[in-house]
Amino acid sequence: MPVTFIDHLSAFKVSASKVSDQVCYRLSVRRALSTALFAVVICGVLIAIAGLGLFVAVQTLRDRRKFQPPMTTWYAALLFAVVPLRNALPGAPAFGAWIDVTVVLWVIVALVIAMALYMACWWRHLRPDVVATPVNPAPSPSGLRPRRESGRVRAHPDQSLTPIA
């Protein structure tokens, strides 16, 4: 029976060779160079975003860079970019594949640590201002006090101060 091998497996190079003096064939299946290069680039991008996120967080934590509140959304965008980048890998690997354990999981962990460090900077740099109110304000020299309405000081319509009753 004649056997024909056609190299038509997407993203793979398939080659067949007949084993000498036998009726069997040896198949060699390997990734195409372009597909492997694309996967390496995607893994490089994943590692780069984790590294950049950690770098920015550590520099801000060490006060080498000023805290910028909009950067917190950048961390969220990085976290949400991980799954689409992972799904762009050639062959759409099944969840739990070796790429998830060796790259994707560690990228997510590094980004979460970086985001936590940046949140620590947020906690440290953007403390709420404490408004000090004097307990006994000093009396005005004329013994007059401005009239207060809804928490703000306002003068009477005739622009004079009202005496304290």
N, C-alpha and C. Protein backbone atom coordinates (compact mmCIF):
# COMPACT_ATOMS: atom_id res chain seq x y z
N MET A 1 0.85 -1.16 0.00
CA MET A 1 0.00 0.00 0.00
C MET A 1 0.91 1.24 0.00
N PRO A 2 0.71 2.12 -0.93
CA PRO A 2 1.54 3.33 -0.97
C PRO A 2 1.10 4.33 0.11
N VAL A 3 2.08 4.99 0.71
CA VAL A 3 1.81 5.99 1.75
C VAL A 3 2.39 7.31 1.27
N THR A 4 1.60 8.38 1.42
CA THR A 4 2.06 9.71 1.02
C THR A 4 1.99 10.63 2.23
N PHE A 5 3.07 11.34 2.51
CA PHE A 5 3.11 12.31 3.61
C PHE A 5 3.09 13.71 3.01
N ILE A 6 2.18 14.52 3.49
CA ILE A 6 2.07 15.90 3.01
C ILE A 6 2.36 16.82 4.19
N ASP A 7 3.27 17.72 3.98
CA ASP A 7 3.65 18.68 5.03
C ASP A 7 2.62 19.80 5.06
N HIS A 8 1.51 19.53 5.74
CA HIS A 8 0.45 20.53 5.77
C HIS A 8 -0.08 20.74 7.20
N LEU A 9 0.78 20.62 8.18
CA LEU A 9 0.41 20.86 9.56
C LEU A 9 0.80 22.30 9.90
N SER A 10 -0.16 23.11 10.20
CA SER A 10 0.07 24.54 10.42
C SER A 10 1.08 24.76 11.55
N ALA A 11 2.07 25.59 11.28
CA ALA A 11 3.09 26.03 12.23
C ALA A 11 4.10 24.94 12.56
N PHE A 12 4.09 23.83 11.85
CA PHE A 12 5.05 22.75 12.08
C PHE A 12 5.72 22.36 10.78
N LYS A 13 6.90 21.83 10.90
CA LYS A 13 7.61 21.22 9.78
C LYS A 13 7.59 19.71 10.00
N VAL A 14 7.04 18.99 9.04
CA VAL A 14 6.94 17.54 9.16
C VAL A 14 7.82 16.93 8.08
N SER A 15 8.63 15.98 8.49
CA SER A 15 9.44 15.25 7.51
C SER A 15 9.32 13.76 7.83
N ALA A 16 9.34 12.97 6.77
CA ALA A 16 9.21 11.51 6.92
C ALA A 16 10.39 10.84 6.23
N SER A 17 10.89 9.80 6.85
CA SER A 17 11.98 9.03 6.25
C SER A 17 11.70 7.55 6.50
N LYS A 18 12.02 6.75 5.49
CA LYS A 18 11.79 5.31 5.63
C LYS A 18 12.99 4.69 6.34
N VAL A 19 12.68 3.88 7.35
CA VAL A 19 13.72 3.18 8.08
C VAL A 19 14.22 2.05 7.18
N SER A 20 15.52 1.92 7.06
CA SER A 20 16.09 0.94 6.14
C SER A 20 15.70 -0.49 6.51
N ASP A 21 15.42 -1.26 5.50
CA ASP A 21 15.09 -2.68 5.60
C ASP A 21 13.84 -2.96 6.45
N GLN A 22 13.00 -1.97 6.61
CA GLN A 22 11.74 -2.20 7.35
C GLN A 22 10.60 -1.56 6.58
N VAL A 23 9.39 -1.84 7.02
CA VAL A 23 8.22 -1.30 6.36
C VAL A 23 7.69 -0.07 7.10
N CYS A 24 8.40 0.44 8.09
CA CYS A 24 7.91 1.58 8.87
C CYS A 24 8.64 2.87 8.45
N TYR A 25 8.03 3.97 8.85
CA TYR A 25 8.57 5.29 8.56
C TYR A 25 8.86 6.02 9.86
N ARG A 26 9.81 6.89 9.82
CA ARG A 26 10.12 7.74 10.98
C ARG A 26 9.65 9.16 10.64
N LEU A 27 8.76 9.68 11.48
CA LEU A 27 8.25 11.04 11.30
C LEU A 27 8.98 11.99 12.23
N SER A 28 9.33 13.11 11.70
CA SER A 28 9.97 14.16 12.51
C SER A 28 9.08 15.40 12.43
N VAL A 29 8.58 15.80 13.58
CA VAL A 29 7.69 16.97 13.65
C VAL A 29 8.36 18.00 14.54
N ARG A 30 8.57 19.19 13.98
CA ARG A 30 9.17 20.28 14.77
C ARG A 30 8.51 21.59 14.37
N ARG A 31 8.63 22.53 15.27
CA ARG A 31 8.06 23.85 14.98
C ARG A 31 8.80 24.50 13.83
N ALA A 32 8.07 25.25 13.05
CA ALA A 32 8.71 26.05 12.01
C ALA A 32 9.51 27.16 12.70
N LEU A 33 10.59 27.58 12.10
CA LEU A 33 11.45 28.60 12.70
C LEU A 33 10.68 29.89 12.95
N SER A 34 9.84 30.30 12.01
CA SER A 34 9.07 31.55 12.19
C SER A 34 8.11 31.44 13.36
N THR A 35 7.49 30.28 13.53
CA THR A 35 6.55 30.08 14.64
C THR A 35 7.29 30.08 15.98
N ALA A 36 8.43 29.40 16.02
CA ALA A 36 9.22 29.38 17.27
C ALA A 36 9.72 30.78 17.60
N LEU A 37 10.13 31.54 16.60
CA LEU A 37 10.60 32.90 16.84
C LEU A 37 9.46 33.79 17.36
N PHE A 38 8.27 33.61 16.80
CA PHE A 38 7.11 34.38 17.28
C PHE A 38 6.82 34.05 18.74
N ALA A 39 6.88 32.79 19.11
CA ALA A 39 6.64 32.39 20.51
C ALA A 39 7.70 32.97 21.43
N VAL A 40 8.95 33.00 20.99
CA VAL A 40 10.03 33.58 21.80
C VAL A 40 9.80 35.08 21.99
N VAL A 41 9.35 35.76 20.95
CA VAL A 41 9.07 37.20 21.06
C VAL A 41 7.93 37.46 22.04
N ILE A 42 6.86 36.68 21.97
CA ILE A 42 5.74 36.84 22.90
C ILE A 42 6.20 36.60 24.34
N CYS A 43 7.00 35.56 24.55
CA CYS A 43 7.53 35.30 25.90
C CYS A 43 8.42 36.45 26.35
N GLY A 44 9.21 37.01 25.44
CA GLY A 44 10.04 38.16 25.76
C GLY A 44 9.22 39.38 26.15
N VAL A 45 8.13 39.60 25.45
CA VAL A 45 7.24 40.73 25.79
C VAL A 45 6.63 40.52 27.17
N LEU A 46 6.20 39.31 27.47
CA LEU A 46 5.62 39.03 28.79
C LEU A 46 6.64 39.29 29.90
N ILE A 47 7.87 38.82 29.69
CA ILE A 47 8.91 39.03 30.70
C ILE A 47 9.27 40.51 30.81
N ALA A 48 9.28 41.21 29.68
CA ALA A 48 9.61 42.65 29.69
C ALA A 48 8.57 43.46 30.46
N ILE A 49 7.27 43.17 30.28
CA ILE A 49 6.28 43.97 31.00
C ILE A 49 6.35 43.70 32.50
N ALA A 50 6.68 42.49 32.88
CA ALA A 50 6.85 42.20 34.31
C ALA A 50 8.07 42.93 34.85
N GLY A 51 9.16 42.91 34.11
CA GLY A 51 10.38 43.59 34.54
C GLY A 51 10.20 45.09 34.62
N LEU A 52 9.53 45.68 33.62
CA LEU A 52 9.29 47.12 33.64
C LEU A 52 8.37 47.52 34.79
N GLY A 53 7.35 46.72 35.02
CA GLY A 53 6.44 47.02 36.13
C GLY A 53 7.17 47.00 37.47
N LEU A 54 8.02 45.99 37.68
CA LEU A 54 8.80 45.93 38.93
C LEU A 54 9.79 47.08 39.02
N PHE A 55 10.43 47.43 37.91
CA PHE A 55 11.41 48.51 37.91
C PHE A 55 10.76 49.84 38.31
N VAL A 56 9.61 50.15 37.71
CA VAL A 56 8.92 51.41 38.02
C VAL A 56 8.48 51.43 39.49
N ALA A 57 7.95 50.31 39.97
CA ALA A 57 7.48 50.27 41.36
C ALA A 57 8.63 50.43 42.35
N VAL A 58 9.75 49.76 42.08
CA VAL A 58 10.89 49.85 43.00
C VAL A 58 11.49 51.25 42.98
N GLN A 59 11.59 51.87 41.80
CA GLN A 59 12.14 53.22 41.73
C GLN A 59 11.24 54.23 42.45
N THR A 60 9.94 54.04 42.36
CA THR A 60 9.01 54.92 43.07
C THR A 60 9.07 54.67 44.57
N LEU A 61 9.18 53.41 44.96
CA LEU A 61 9.27 53.08 46.38
C LEU A 61 10.53 53.65 47.01
N ARG A 62 11.62 53.69 46.25
CA ARG A 62 12.88 54.23 46.75
C ARG A 62 12.96 55.74 46.62
N ASP A 63 11.88 56.39 46.22
CA ASP A 63 11.79 57.85 46.04
C ASP A 63 12.75 58.37 44.98
N ARG A 64 13.08 57.56 44.01
CA ARG A 64 13.89 58.02 42.89
C ARG A 64 13.02 58.63 41.81
N ARG A 65 11.76 58.31 41.83
CA ARG A 65 10.79 58.91 40.92
C ARG A 65 9.57 59.31 41.73
N LYS A 66 8.92 60.36 41.25
CA LYS A 66 7.74 60.88 41.92
C LYS A 66 6.55 59.96 41.68
N PHE A 67 5.72 59.80 42.68
CA PHE A 67 4.51 58.98 42.55
C PHE A 67 3.54 59.67 41.61
N GLN A 68 3.04 58.94 40.64
CA GLN A 68 2.06 59.46 39.68
C GLN A 68 0.79 58.61 39.79
N PRO A 69 -0.30 59.15 40.31
CA PRO A 69 -1.52 58.35 40.48
C PRO A 69 -2.03 57.67 39.21
N PRO A 70 -1.94 58.29 38.02
CA PRO A 70 -2.44 57.58 36.83
C PRO A 70 -1.68 56.29 36.50
N MET A 71 -0.49 56.12 37.06
CA MET A 71 0.28 54.92 36.78
C MET A 71 -0.39 53.66 37.35
N THR A 72 -1.28 53.83 38.31
CA THR A 72 -1.96 52.66 38.86
C THR A 72 -2.82 51.99 37.78
N THR A 73 -3.38 52.78 36.87
CA THR A 73 -4.14 52.18 35.77
C THR A 73 -3.22 51.46 34.80
N TRP A 74 -1.98 51.92 34.70
CA TRP A 74 -0.99 51.25 33.85
C TRP A 74 -0.76 49.82 34.34
N TYR A 75 -0.68 49.66 35.67
CA TYR A 75 -0.49 48.32 36.22
C TYR A 75 -1.70 47.43 35.93
N ALA A 76 -2.88 47.99 36.03
CA ALA A 76 -4.07 47.21 35.70
C ALA A 76 -4.06 46.81 34.23
N ALA A 77 -3.64 47.72 33.36
CA ALA A 77 -3.57 47.40 31.93
C ALA A 77 -2.55 46.30 31.68
N LEU A 78 -1.43 46.34 32.38
CA LEU A 78 -0.43 45.29 32.22
C LEU A 78 -0.98 43.93 32.64
N LEU A 79 -1.69 43.92 33.75
CA LEU A 79 -2.28 42.65 34.20
C LEU A 79 -3.29 42.11 33.20
N PHE A 80 -4.10 43.00 32.64
CA PHE A 80 -5.09 42.55 31.68
C PHE A 80 -4.48 42.20 30.33
N ALA A 81 -3.24 42.63 30.06
CA ALA A 81 -2.58 42.32 28.79
C ALA A 81 -1.96 40.92 28.79
N VAL A 82 -1.77 40.33 29.96
CA VAL A 82 -1.08 39.05 30.04
C VAL A 82 -1.86 37.94 29.34
N VAL A 83 -3.14 37.82 29.59
CA VAL A 83 -3.93 36.72 29.02
C VAL A 83 -4.03 36.83 27.50
N PRO A 84 -4.33 38.01 26.92
CA PRO A 84 -4.34 38.06 25.45
C PRO A 84 -2.98 37.75 24.83
N LEU A 85 -1.91 38.18 25.47
CA LEU A 85 -0.59 37.84 24.95
C LEU A 85 -0.33 36.34 25.03
N ARG A 86 -0.75 35.73 26.11
CA ARG A 86 -0.59 34.28 26.26
C ARG A 86 -1.40 33.54 25.21
N ASN A 87 -2.61 34.03 24.94
CA ASN A 87 -3.46 33.37 23.95
C ASN A 87 -2.97 33.59 22.52
N ALA A 88 -2.09 34.57 22.33
CA ALA A 88 -1.53 34.83 20.99
C ALA A 88 -0.39 33.87 20.66
N LEU A 89 0.02 33.06 21.63
CA LEU A 89 1.09 32.11 21.36
C LEU A 89 0.66 31.13 20.28
N PRO A 90 1.59 30.69 19.46
CA PRO A 90 1.25 29.77 18.37
C PRO A 90 0.65 28.47 18.89
N GLY A 91 -0.38 28.03 18.24
CA GLY A 91 -1.02 26.77 18.60
C GLY A 91 -1.98 26.89 19.75
N ALA A 92 -2.17 28.09 20.30
CA ALA A 92 -3.06 28.31 21.45
C ALA A 92 -2.93 27.19 22.46
N PRO A 93 -1.84 27.18 23.24
CA PRO A 93 -1.63 26.08 24.19
C PRO A 93 -2.77 25.96 25.18
N ALA A 94 -3.04 24.74 25.59
CA ALA A 94 -4.11 24.49 26.57
C ALA A 94 -3.71 25.11 27.91
N PHE A 95 -4.70 25.50 28.68
CA PHE A 95 -4.41 26.08 29.99
C PHE A 95 -3.73 25.05 30.86
N GLY A 96 -2.69 25.47 31.55
CA GLY A 96 -1.92 24.57 32.38
C GLY A 96 -0.72 23.99 31.65
N ALA A 97 -0.50 24.44 30.41
CA ALA A 97 0.65 23.96 29.64
C ALA A 97 1.94 24.48 30.28
N TRP A 98 3.07 24.00 29.83
CA TRP A 98 4.36 24.37 30.42
C TRP A 98 4.60 25.87 30.35
N ILE A 99 4.07 26.54 29.33
CA ILE A 99 4.28 27.98 29.19
C ILE A 99 3.59 28.75 30.33
N ASP A 100 2.46 28.22 30.80
CA ASP A 100 1.76 28.86 31.92
C ASP A 100 2.57 28.78 33.20
N VAL A 101 3.21 27.64 33.42
CA VAL A 101 3.97 27.43 34.66
C VAL A 101 5.30 28.16 34.61
N THR A 102 5.96 28.15 33.47
CA THR A 102 7.31 28.71 33.41
C THR A 102 7.34 30.20 33.13
N VAL A 103 6.35 30.75 32.45
CA VAL A 103 6.40 32.17 32.11
C VAL A 103 5.19 32.93 32.64
N VAL A 104 4.00 32.56 32.22
CA VAL A 104 2.80 33.36 32.49
C VAL A 104 2.54 33.51 33.98
N LEU A 105 2.63 32.45 34.73
CA LEU A 105 2.39 32.52 36.17
C LEU A 105 3.35 33.48 36.85
N TRP A 106 4.62 33.41 36.48
CA TRP A 106 5.62 34.28 37.11
C TRP A 106 5.47 35.72 36.68
N VAL A 107 5.01 35.95 35.46
CA VAL A 107 4.74 37.31 35.01
C VAL A 107 3.59 37.91 35.83
N ILE A 108 2.55 37.14 36.04
CA ILE A 108 1.41 37.63 36.84
C ILE A 108 1.85 37.89 38.27
N VAL A 109 2.64 36.99 38.85
CA VAL A 109 3.12 37.19 40.23
C VAL A 109 3.97 38.45 40.31
N ALA A 110 4.88 38.64 39.36
CA ALA A 110 5.74 39.84 39.38
C ALA A 110 4.92 41.11 39.22
N LEU A 111 3.90 41.09 38.36
CA LEU A 111 3.06 42.28 38.18
C LEU A 111 2.22 42.57 39.42
N VAL A 112 1.74 41.56 40.07
CA VAL A 112 0.96 41.79 41.31
C VAL A 112 1.87 42.34 42.40
N ILE A 113 3.08 41.83 42.52
CA ILE A 113 4.03 42.38 43.50
C ILE A 113 4.34 43.83 43.17
N ALA A 114 4.57 44.12 41.90
CA ALA A 114 4.87 45.50 41.48
C ALA A 114 3.68 46.42 41.78
N MET A 115 2.48 45.93 41.53
CA MET A 115 1.30 46.75 41.82
C MET A 115 1.14 46.98 43.32
N ALA A 116 1.44 45.97 44.11
CA ALA A 116 1.37 46.13 45.57
C ALA A 116 2.41 47.14 46.05
N LEU A 117 3.60 47.10 45.49
CA LEU A 117 4.62 48.10 45.85
C LEU A 117 4.18 49.50 45.46
N TYR A 118 3.56 49.62 44.29
CA TYR A 118 3.09 50.93 43.86
C TYR A 118 1.95 51.42 44.74
N MET A 119 1.11 50.50 45.20
CA MET A 119 0.04 50.89 46.13
C MET A 119 0.62 51.33 47.47
N ALA A 120 1.74 50.73 47.88
CA ALA A 120 2.42 51.17 49.11
C ALA A 120 2.91 52.60 48.92
N CYS A 121 3.40 52.91 47.73
CA CYS A 121 3.81 54.30 47.45
C CYS A 121 2.61 55.24 47.49
N TRP A 122 1.50 54.77 46.96
CA TRP A 122 0.27 55.58 47.01
C TRP A 122 -0.11 55.85 48.47
N TRP A 123 -0.04 54.83 49.30
CA TRP A 123 -0.39 54.98 50.71
C TRP A 123 0.53 55.98 51.39
N ARG A 124 1.81 55.92 51.06
CA ARG A 124 2.80 56.78 51.70
C ARG A 124 2.76 58.22 51.19
N HIS A 125 2.59 58.42 49.90
CA HIS A 125 2.71 59.75 49.32
C HIS A 125 1.42 60.56 49.32
N LEU A 126 0.29 59.90 49.31
CA LEU A 126 -0.97 60.64 49.21
C LEU A 126 -1.80 60.49 50.49
N ARG A 127 -1.18 60.85 51.59
CA ARG A 127 -1.93 60.83 52.85
C ARG A 127 -2.95 61.96 52.82
N PRO A 128 -4.10 61.76 53.42
CA PRO A 128 -5.08 62.85 53.45
C PRO A 128 -4.56 64.00 54.30
N ASP A 129 -4.85 65.21 53.84
CA ASP A 129 -4.43 66.38 54.60
C ASP A 129 -5.27 66.51 55.85
N VAL A 130 -4.63 66.76 56.97
CA VAL A 130 -5.32 66.97 58.23
C VAL A 130 -5.52 68.46 58.38
N VAL A 131 -6.78 68.87 58.49
CA VAL A 131 -7.09 70.29 58.64
C VAL A 131 -7.13 70.60 60.14
N ALA A 132 -6.23 71.46 60.57
CA ALA A 132 -6.18 71.84 61.98
C ALA A 132 -7.12 73.01 62.21
N THR A 133 -8.07 72.83 63.12
CA THR A 133 -8.97 73.92 63.47
C THR A 133 -8.63 74.38 64.87
N PRO A 134 -8.44 75.65 65.05
CA PRO A 134 -8.10 76.14 66.39
C PRO A 134 -9.27 75.94 67.34
N VAL A 135 -8.94 75.58 68.57
CA VAL A 135 -9.98 75.36 69.58
C VAL A 135 -10.56 76.69 70.02
N ASN A 136 -9.73 77.62 70.36
CA ASN A 136 -10.17 78.96 70.77
C ASN A 136 -9.56 79.98 69.81
N PRO A 137 -10.30 80.39 68.80
CA PRO A 137 -9.74 81.37 67.87
C PRO A 137 -9.52 82.70 68.59
N ALA A 138 -8.51 83.39 68.16
CA ALA A 138 -8.21 84.70 68.77
C ALA A 138 -9.30 85.69 68.39
N PRO A 139 -9.78 86.49 69.37
CA PRO A 139 -10.84 87.46 69.06
C PRO A 139 -10.29 88.57 68.16
N SER A 140 -11.20 89.08 67.34
CA SER A 140 -10.78 90.19 66.48
C SER A 140 -10.60 91.44 67.34
N PRO A 141 -9.79 92.37 66.89
CA PRO A 141 -9.50 93.56 67.70
C PRO A 141 -10.74 94.38 68.05
N SER A 142 -11.73 94.39 67.20
CA SER A 142 -12.91 95.21 67.49
C SER A 142 -13.97 94.44 68.26
N GLY A 143 -13.71 93.18 68.57
CA GLY A 143 -14.69 92.39 69.29
C GLY A 143 -15.80 91.89 68.41
N LEU A 144 -15.65 92.11 67.10
CA LEU A 144 -16.66 91.66 66.14
C LEU A 144 -16.21 90.35 65.50
N ARG A 145 -17.14 89.52 65.19
CA ARG A 145 -16.84 88.24 64.56
C ARG A 145 -17.61 88.15 63.24
N PRO A 146 -16.97 87.62 62.20
CA PRO A 146 -17.72 87.49 60.94
C PRO A 146 -18.84 86.47 61.07
N ARG A 147 -19.89 86.69 60.33
CA ARG A 147 -21.04 85.80 60.35
C ARG A 147 -20.74 84.54 59.52
N ARG A 148 -21.10 83.36 60.05
CA ARG A 148 -20.82 82.11 59.35
C ARG A 148 -22.13 81.55 58.77
N GLU A 149 -22.06 81.17 57.51
CA GLU A 149 -23.19 80.51 56.86
C GLU A 149 -22.66 79.29 56.13
N SER A 150 -23.22 78.16 56.40
CA SER A 150 -22.87 76.89 55.76
C SER A 150 -21.36 76.64 55.75
N GLY A 151 -20.73 76.90 56.88
CA GLY A 151 -19.33 76.58 57.01
C GLY A 151 -18.38 77.60 56.41
N ARG A 152 -18.90 78.64 55.76
CA ARG A 152 -18.02 79.64 55.18
C ARG A 152 -18.26 80.99 55.84
N VAL A 153 -17.23 81.78 55.91
CA VAL A 153 -17.34 83.10 56.52
C VAL A 153 -17.90 84.05 55.48
N ARG A 154 -18.97 84.77 55.88
CA ARG A 154 -19.57 85.75 54.97
C ARG A 154 -19.86 87.02 55.74
N ALA A 155 -19.76 88.09 55.07
CA ALA A 155 -20.11 89.38 55.69
C ALA A 155 -21.59 89.66 55.41
N HIS A 156 -22.16 90.58 56.20
CA HIS A 156 -23.53 91.01 55.97
C HIS A 156 -23.63 91.73 54.65
N PRO A 157 -24.86 91.88 54.16
CA PRO A 157 -25.01 92.61 52.89
C PRO A 157 -24.40 94.01 52.93
N ASP A 158 -24.37 94.64 54.10
CA ASP A 158 -23.79 95.99 54.16
C ASP A 158 -22.27 95.93 54.36
N GLN A 159 -21.68 94.73 54.19
CA GLN A 159 -20.24 94.49 54.25
C GLN A 159 -19.60 94.82 55.60
N SER A 160 -20.39 94.79 56.64
CA SER A 160 -19.82 95.05 57.96
C SER A 160 -19.81 93.74 58.75
N LEU A 161 -19.12 93.72 59.84
CA LEU A 161 -19.06 92.55 60.71
C LEU A 161 -20.16 92.62 61.73
N THR A 162 -20.73 91.49 62.10
CA THR A 162 -21.82 91.45 63.08
C THR A 162 -21.24 91.30 64.48
N PRO A 163 -21.71 92.05 65.44
CA PRO A 163 -21.22 91.89 66.81
C PRO A 163 -21.71 90.58 67.40
N ILE A 164 -20.95 90.04 68.30
CA ILE A 164 -21.32 88.82 69.00
C ILE A 164 -22.36 89.16 70.04
N ALA A 165 -23.43 88.38 70.08
CA ALA A 165 -24.50 88.68 71.03
C ALA A 165 -24.22 88.07 72.38
